[in-house]
Amino acid sequence: MKIKLLIAAAVVATSAPALADDVVEVQKATAATQEAAAAPLKLRAGQMVYSADGSRIGRIYAVVGEKDAPEAIRIIVDSQMVVIPADTLSPGEKSSRTVTSLDKNELK
């Protein structure tokens, strides 16, 4: 019985650092996601808009609403002006990109 207890203690002791590393990685990823969500959305004409799957939709033609509180953007998709609500937009990985939760088919 004591041997089983010692073996169990040894397994826990050797796996604890690996689990701690995993916890730290998850905390870092969560913090990065929260920072991205808290970052203000900076929209400007000419900025590229991508769908959530990474496909390119088009460039921002105009921003609708106040500069610090945009309501929507206008882009040209397949030769037609399309309005995308600001609540579907988020900053991309690069500062020159904006991502929408809508796909190209939903914009037509």
N, C-alpha and C. Protein backbone atom coordinates (compact mmCIF):
# COMPACT_ATOMS: atom_id res chain seq x y z
N MET A 1 0.81 -1.19 0.00
CA MET A 1 0.00 0.00 0.00
C MET A 1 0.86 1.26 0.00
N LYS A 2 1.93 1.24 0.80
CA LYS A 2 2.80 2.40 0.88
C LYS A 2 3.51 2.63 -0.45
N ILE A 3 3.82 1.54 -1.16
CA ILE A 3 4.51 1.66 -2.44
C ILE A 3 3.60 2.34 -3.45
N LYS A 4 2.33 1.96 -3.48
CA LYS A 4 1.37 2.58 -4.40
C LYS A 4 1.24 4.07 -4.09
N LEU A 5 1.21 4.42 -2.82
CA LEU A 5 1.09 5.81 -2.41
C LEU A 5 2.33 6.60 -2.84
N LEU A 6 3.50 6.00 -2.69
CA LEU A 6 4.74 6.66 -3.11
C LEU A 6 4.80 6.83 -4.63
N ILE A 7 4.35 5.83 -5.35
CA ILE A 7 4.34 5.94 -6.81
C ILE A 7 3.37 7.03 -7.25
N ALA A 8 2.19 7.08 -6.64
CA ALA A 8 1.21 8.11 -6.98
C ALA A 8 1.76 9.50 -6.67
N ALA A 9 2.44 9.65 -5.55
CA ALA A 9 3.02 10.94 -5.19
C ALA A 9 4.11 11.34 -6.17
N ALA A 10 4.90 10.37 -6.63
CA ALA A 10 5.97 10.66 -7.59
C ALA A 10 5.38 11.09 -8.93
N VAL A 11 4.29 10.46 -9.36
CA VAL A 11 3.64 10.83 -10.62
C VAL A 11 3.09 12.24 -10.54
N VAL A 12 2.44 12.56 -9.45
CA VAL A 12 1.89 13.91 -9.27
C VAL A 12 3.00 14.94 -9.23
N ALA A 13 4.07 14.64 -8.54
CA ALA A 13 5.18 15.59 -8.42
C ALA A 13 5.86 15.85 -9.76
N THR A 14 5.95 14.83 -10.59
CA THR A 14 6.62 15.01 -11.89
C THR A 14 5.71 15.66 -12.92
N SER A 15 4.40 15.55 -12.78
CA SER A 15 3.49 16.14 -13.76
C SER A 15 3.06 17.55 -13.38
N ALA A 16 3.25 17.97 -12.16
CA ALA A 16 2.83 19.30 -11.72
C ALA A 16 3.46 20.43 -12.52
N PRO A 17 4.79 20.40 -12.81
CA PRO A 17 5.36 21.50 -13.60
C PRO A 17 4.74 21.59 -15.00
N ALA A 18 4.46 20.46 -15.62
CA ALA A 18 3.85 20.48 -16.95
C ALA A 18 2.45 21.08 -16.90
N LEU A 19 1.70 20.74 -15.87
CA LEU A 19 0.36 21.29 -15.73
C LEU A 19 0.42 22.79 -15.46
N ALA A 20 1.39 23.21 -14.68
CA ALA A 20 1.55 24.64 -14.40
C ALA A 20 1.87 25.40 -15.67
N ASP A 21 2.71 24.83 -16.54
CA ASP A 21 3.02 25.46 -17.82
C ASP A 21 1.78 25.60 -18.68
N ASP A 22 0.94 24.58 -18.69
CA ASP A 22 -0.30 24.63 -19.47
C ASP A 22 -1.23 25.72 -18.95
N VAL A 23 -1.31 25.86 -17.64
CA VAL A 23 -2.16 26.89 -17.04
C VAL A 23 -1.66 28.27 -17.43
N VAL A 24 -0.35 28.47 -17.41
CA VAL A 24 0.23 29.76 -17.78
C VAL A 24 -0.08 30.09 -19.23
N GLU A 25 0.03 29.11 -20.13
CA GLU A 25 -0.26 29.33 -21.55
C GLU A 25 -1.72 29.70 -21.76
N VAL A 26 -2.61 29.05 -21.07
CA VAL A 26 -4.04 29.36 -21.19
C VAL A 26 -4.31 30.77 -20.68
N GLN A 27 -3.67 31.15 -19.57
CA GLN A 27 -3.86 32.49 -19.03
C GLN A 27 -3.35 33.55 -20.00
N LYS A 28 -2.22 33.29 -20.65
CA LYS A 28 -1.67 34.24 -21.63
C LYS A 28 -2.60 34.38 -22.82
N ALA A 29 -3.13 33.27 -23.32
CA ALA A 29 -4.04 33.30 -24.46
C ALA A 29 -5.32 34.05 -24.11
N THR A 30 -5.83 33.82 -22.92
CA THR A 30 -7.04 34.50 -22.47
C THR A 30 -6.81 36.01 -22.36
N ALA A 31 -5.67 36.39 -21.80
CA ALA A 31 -5.34 37.81 -21.66
C ALA A 31 -5.22 38.47 -23.03
N ALA A 32 -4.59 37.80 -23.99
CA ALA A 32 -4.44 38.36 -25.33
C ALA A 32 -5.80 38.53 -26.00
N THR A 33 -6.69 37.58 -25.82
CA THR A 33 -8.03 37.67 -26.40
C THR A 33 -8.81 38.82 -25.78
N GLN A 34 -8.70 38.99 -24.46
CA GLN A 34 -9.40 40.08 -23.79
C GLN A 34 -8.85 41.44 -24.22
N GLU A 35 -7.53 41.54 -24.41
CA GLU A 35 -6.95 42.79 -24.87
C GLU A 35 -7.43 43.14 -26.26
N ALA A 36 -7.51 42.14 -27.14
CA ALA A 36 -7.99 42.37 -28.51
C ALA A 36 -9.45 42.82 -28.50
N ALA A 37 -10.25 42.21 -27.63
CA ALA A 37 -11.66 42.58 -27.55
C ALA A 37 -11.84 43.98 -26.98
N ALA A 38 -10.95 44.37 -26.07
CA ALA A 38 -11.06 45.68 -25.44
C ALA A 38 -10.47 46.78 -26.31
N ALA A 39 -9.65 46.42 -27.28
CA ALA A 39 -9.02 47.42 -28.14
C ALA A 39 -10.08 48.12 -28.97
N PRO A 40 -10.01 49.45 -29.06
CA PRO A 40 -11.00 50.16 -29.86
C PRO A 40 -10.84 49.83 -31.34
N LEU A 41 -11.94 49.75 -32.01
CA LEU A 41 -11.94 49.43 -33.43
C LEU A 41 -11.64 50.70 -34.21
N LYS A 42 -10.53 50.72 -34.89
CA LYS A 42 -10.13 51.89 -35.68
C LYS A 42 -10.45 51.62 -37.14
N LEU A 43 -11.46 52.30 -37.64
CA LEU A 43 -11.90 52.11 -39.02
C LEU A 43 -11.55 53.34 -39.84
N ARG A 44 -11.07 53.09 -41.07
CA ARG A 44 -10.76 54.19 -41.97
C ARG A 44 -10.93 53.73 -43.40
N ALA A 45 -11.22 54.68 -44.27
CA ALA A 45 -11.39 54.36 -45.69
C ALA A 45 -10.10 53.75 -46.22
N GLY A 46 -10.25 52.75 -47.06
CA GLY A 46 -9.11 52.08 -47.66
C GLY A 46 -8.64 50.85 -46.91
N GLN A 47 -9.11 50.67 -45.69
CA GLN A 47 -8.73 49.52 -44.88
C GLN A 47 -9.39 48.26 -45.44
N MET A 48 -8.65 47.15 -45.48
CA MET A 48 -9.15 45.90 -46.02
C MET A 48 -10.05 45.19 -45.01
N VAL A 49 -11.14 44.61 -45.51
CA VAL A 49 -12.09 43.85 -44.68
C VAL A 49 -12.02 42.39 -45.10
N TYR A 50 -11.93 41.51 -44.10
CA TYR A 50 -11.87 40.07 -44.33
C TYR A 50 -13.02 39.40 -43.60
N SER A 51 -13.43 38.23 -44.11
CA SER A 51 -14.45 37.45 -43.42
C SER A 51 -13.76 36.66 -42.32
N ALA A 52 -14.55 36.05 -41.45
CA ALA A 52 -14.00 35.29 -40.33
C ALA A 52 -13.14 34.12 -40.79
N ASP A 53 -13.43 33.58 -41.98
CA ASP A 53 -12.63 32.46 -42.49
C ASP A 53 -11.36 32.93 -43.19
N GLY A 54 -11.13 34.24 -43.22
CA GLY A 54 -9.89 34.77 -43.78
C GLY A 54 -9.96 35.21 -45.23
N SER A 55 -11.11 35.04 -45.88
CA SER A 55 -11.21 35.45 -47.27
C SER A 55 -11.41 36.97 -47.37
N ARG A 56 -10.80 37.54 -48.36
CA ARG A 56 -10.83 38.98 -48.57
C ARG A 56 -12.19 39.39 -49.13
N ILE A 57 -12.81 40.41 -48.53
CA ILE A 57 -14.11 40.89 -48.99
C ILE A 57 -13.96 42.16 -49.80
N GLY A 58 -13.26 43.13 -49.29
CA GLY A 58 -13.06 44.39 -50.01
C GLY A 58 -12.51 45.46 -49.10
N ARG A 59 -12.32 46.65 -49.65
CA ARG A 59 -11.79 47.78 -48.88
C ARG A 59 -12.94 48.68 -48.39
N ILE A 60 -12.73 49.29 -47.24
CA ILE A 60 -13.72 50.21 -46.70
C ILE A 60 -13.80 51.43 -47.60
N TYR A 61 -15.00 51.73 -48.06
CA TYR A 61 -15.24 52.90 -48.89
C TYR A 61 -15.53 54.11 -48.01
N ALA A 62 -16.34 53.91 -46.96
CA ALA A 62 -16.70 55.00 -46.05
C ALA A 62 -17.08 54.43 -44.70
N VAL A 63 -16.88 55.23 -43.66
CA VAL A 63 -17.28 54.88 -42.30
C VAL A 63 -18.52 55.70 -41.95
N VAL A 64 -19.57 55.03 -41.46
CA VAL A 64 -20.83 55.69 -41.12
C VAL A 64 -20.87 55.90 -39.61
N GLY A 65 -21.18 57.12 -39.19
CA GLY A 65 -21.28 57.44 -37.77
C GLY A 65 -20.08 58.23 -37.28
N GLU A 66 -19.99 58.38 -35.97
CA GLU A 66 -18.91 59.13 -35.35
C GLU A 66 -17.59 58.37 -35.47
N LYS A 67 -16.48 59.11 -35.45
CA LYS A 67 -15.17 58.51 -35.60
C LYS A 67 -14.86 57.54 -34.45
N ASP A 68 -15.21 57.93 -33.22
CA ASP A 68 -14.92 57.07 -32.08
C ASP A 68 -16.05 56.08 -31.75
N ALA A 69 -17.17 56.17 -32.48
CA ALA A 69 -18.29 55.25 -32.28
C ALA A 69 -18.97 54.97 -33.63
N PRO A 70 -18.27 54.27 -34.53
CA PRO A 70 -18.86 54.02 -35.84
C PRO A 70 -20.09 53.10 -35.75
N GLU A 71 -21.05 53.37 -36.62
CA GLU A 71 -22.27 52.55 -36.66
C GLU A 71 -22.16 51.45 -37.70
N ALA A 72 -21.46 51.76 -38.80
CA ALA A 72 -21.35 50.80 -39.90
C ALA A 72 -20.23 51.24 -40.83
N ILE A 73 -19.92 50.37 -41.78
CA ILE A 73 -18.99 50.74 -42.84
C ILE A 73 -19.66 50.44 -44.17
N ARG A 74 -19.19 51.11 -45.20
CA ARG A 74 -19.65 50.84 -46.56
C ARG A 74 -18.46 50.29 -47.34
N ILE A 75 -18.70 49.20 -48.05
CA ILE A 75 -17.68 48.64 -48.92
C ILE A 75 -18.34 48.29 -50.26
N ILE A 76 -17.52 48.12 -51.26
CA ILE A 76 -18.02 47.72 -52.57
C ILE A 76 -17.70 46.24 -52.75
N VAL A 77 -18.76 45.45 -52.95
CA VAL A 77 -18.63 44.01 -53.15
C VAL A 77 -19.29 43.67 -54.48
N ASP A 78 -18.52 43.11 -55.39
CA ASP A 78 -19.05 42.74 -56.71
C ASP A 78 -19.81 43.90 -57.37
N SER A 79 -19.20 45.06 -57.37
CA SER A 79 -19.73 46.28 -58.00
C SER A 79 -20.98 46.84 -57.34
N GLN A 80 -21.26 46.44 -56.11
CA GLN A 80 -22.42 46.98 -55.40
C GLN A 80 -22.00 47.49 -54.03
N MET A 81 -22.57 48.62 -53.62
CA MET A 81 -22.28 49.18 -52.30
C MET A 81 -23.02 48.36 -51.25
N VAL A 82 -22.27 47.92 -50.23
CA VAL A 82 -22.83 47.09 -49.16
C VAL A 82 -22.53 47.77 -47.83
N VAL A 83 -23.51 47.75 -46.93
CA VAL A 83 -23.33 48.31 -45.58
C VAL A 83 -23.15 47.15 -44.60
N ILE A 84 -22.08 47.23 -43.80
CA ILE A 84 -21.80 46.20 -42.80
C ILE A 84 -21.91 46.86 -41.42
N PRO A 85 -22.79 46.36 -40.55
CA PRO A 85 -22.93 46.94 -39.21
C PRO A 85 -21.63 46.82 -38.41
N ALA A 86 -21.35 47.84 -37.62
CA ALA A 86 -20.11 47.85 -36.84
C ALA A 86 -20.06 46.75 -35.79
N ASP A 87 -21.23 46.30 -35.32
CA ASP A 87 -21.21 45.25 -34.29
C ASP A 87 -20.79 43.89 -34.84
N THR A 88 -20.64 43.76 -36.16
CA THR A 88 -20.13 42.51 -36.74
C THR A 88 -18.64 42.60 -37.03
N LEU A 89 -18.01 43.73 -36.69
CA LEU A 89 -16.60 43.97 -37.01
C LEU A 89 -15.70 43.82 -35.79
N SER A 90 -14.48 43.37 -36.04
CA SER A 90 -13.47 43.28 -34.99
C SER A 90 -12.11 43.55 -35.61
N PRO A 91 -11.13 43.95 -34.79
CA PRO A 91 -9.80 44.19 -35.35
C PRO A 91 -9.16 42.89 -35.78
N GLY A 92 -8.41 42.94 -36.88
CA GLY A 92 -7.69 41.77 -37.34
C GLY A 92 -6.35 41.64 -36.66
N GLU A 93 -5.60 40.61 -37.05
CA GLU A 93 -4.28 40.39 -36.46
C GLU A 93 -3.33 41.53 -36.79
N LYS A 94 -3.46 42.08 -37.98
CA LYS A 94 -2.65 43.22 -38.38
C LYS A 94 -3.50 44.48 -38.25
N SER A 95 -2.87 45.61 -37.98
CA SER A 95 -3.63 46.84 -37.76
C SER A 95 -4.34 47.32 -39.02
N SER A 96 -3.90 46.87 -40.18
CA SER A 96 -4.53 47.31 -41.43
C SER A 96 -5.72 46.44 -41.82
N ARG A 97 -6.06 45.46 -40.98
CA ARG A 97 -7.16 44.55 -41.31
C ARG A 97 -8.33 44.71 -40.35
N THR A 98 -9.52 44.52 -40.89
CA THR A 98 -10.74 44.47 -40.10
C THR A 98 -11.44 43.17 -40.48
N VAL A 99 -11.99 42.47 -39.50
CA VAL A 99 -12.65 41.19 -39.74
C VAL A 99 -14.13 41.33 -39.42
N THR A 100 -14.97 40.80 -40.29
CA THR A 100 -16.41 40.77 -40.03
C THR A 100 -16.85 39.33 -39.77
N SER A 101 -17.85 39.17 -38.94
CA SER A 101 -18.38 37.84 -38.65
C SER A 101 -19.27 37.34 -39.79
N LEU A 102 -19.59 38.22 -40.74
CA LEU A 102 -20.41 37.85 -41.89
C LEU A 102 -19.53 37.28 -43.00
N ASP A 103 -20.06 36.37 -43.79
CA ASP A 103 -19.30 35.89 -44.94
C ASP A 103 -19.78 36.64 -46.20
N LYS A 104 -19.09 36.44 -47.28
CA LYS A 104 -19.38 37.20 -48.50
C LYS A 104 -20.79 36.93 -49.01
N ASN A 105 -21.29 35.72 -48.86
CA ASN A 105 -22.64 35.40 -49.31
C ASN A 105 -23.70 36.14 -48.51
N GLU A 106 -23.46 36.39 -47.23
CA GLU A 106 -24.41 37.12 -46.39
C GLU A 106 -24.46 38.61 -46.73
N LEU A 107 -23.44 39.11 -47.41
CA LEU A 107 -23.37 40.52 -47.73
C LEU A 107 -24.10 40.87 -49.01
N LYS A 108 -24.48 39.90 -49.79
CA LYS A 108 -25.14 40.16 -51.07
C LYS A 108 -26.62 40.35 -50.91
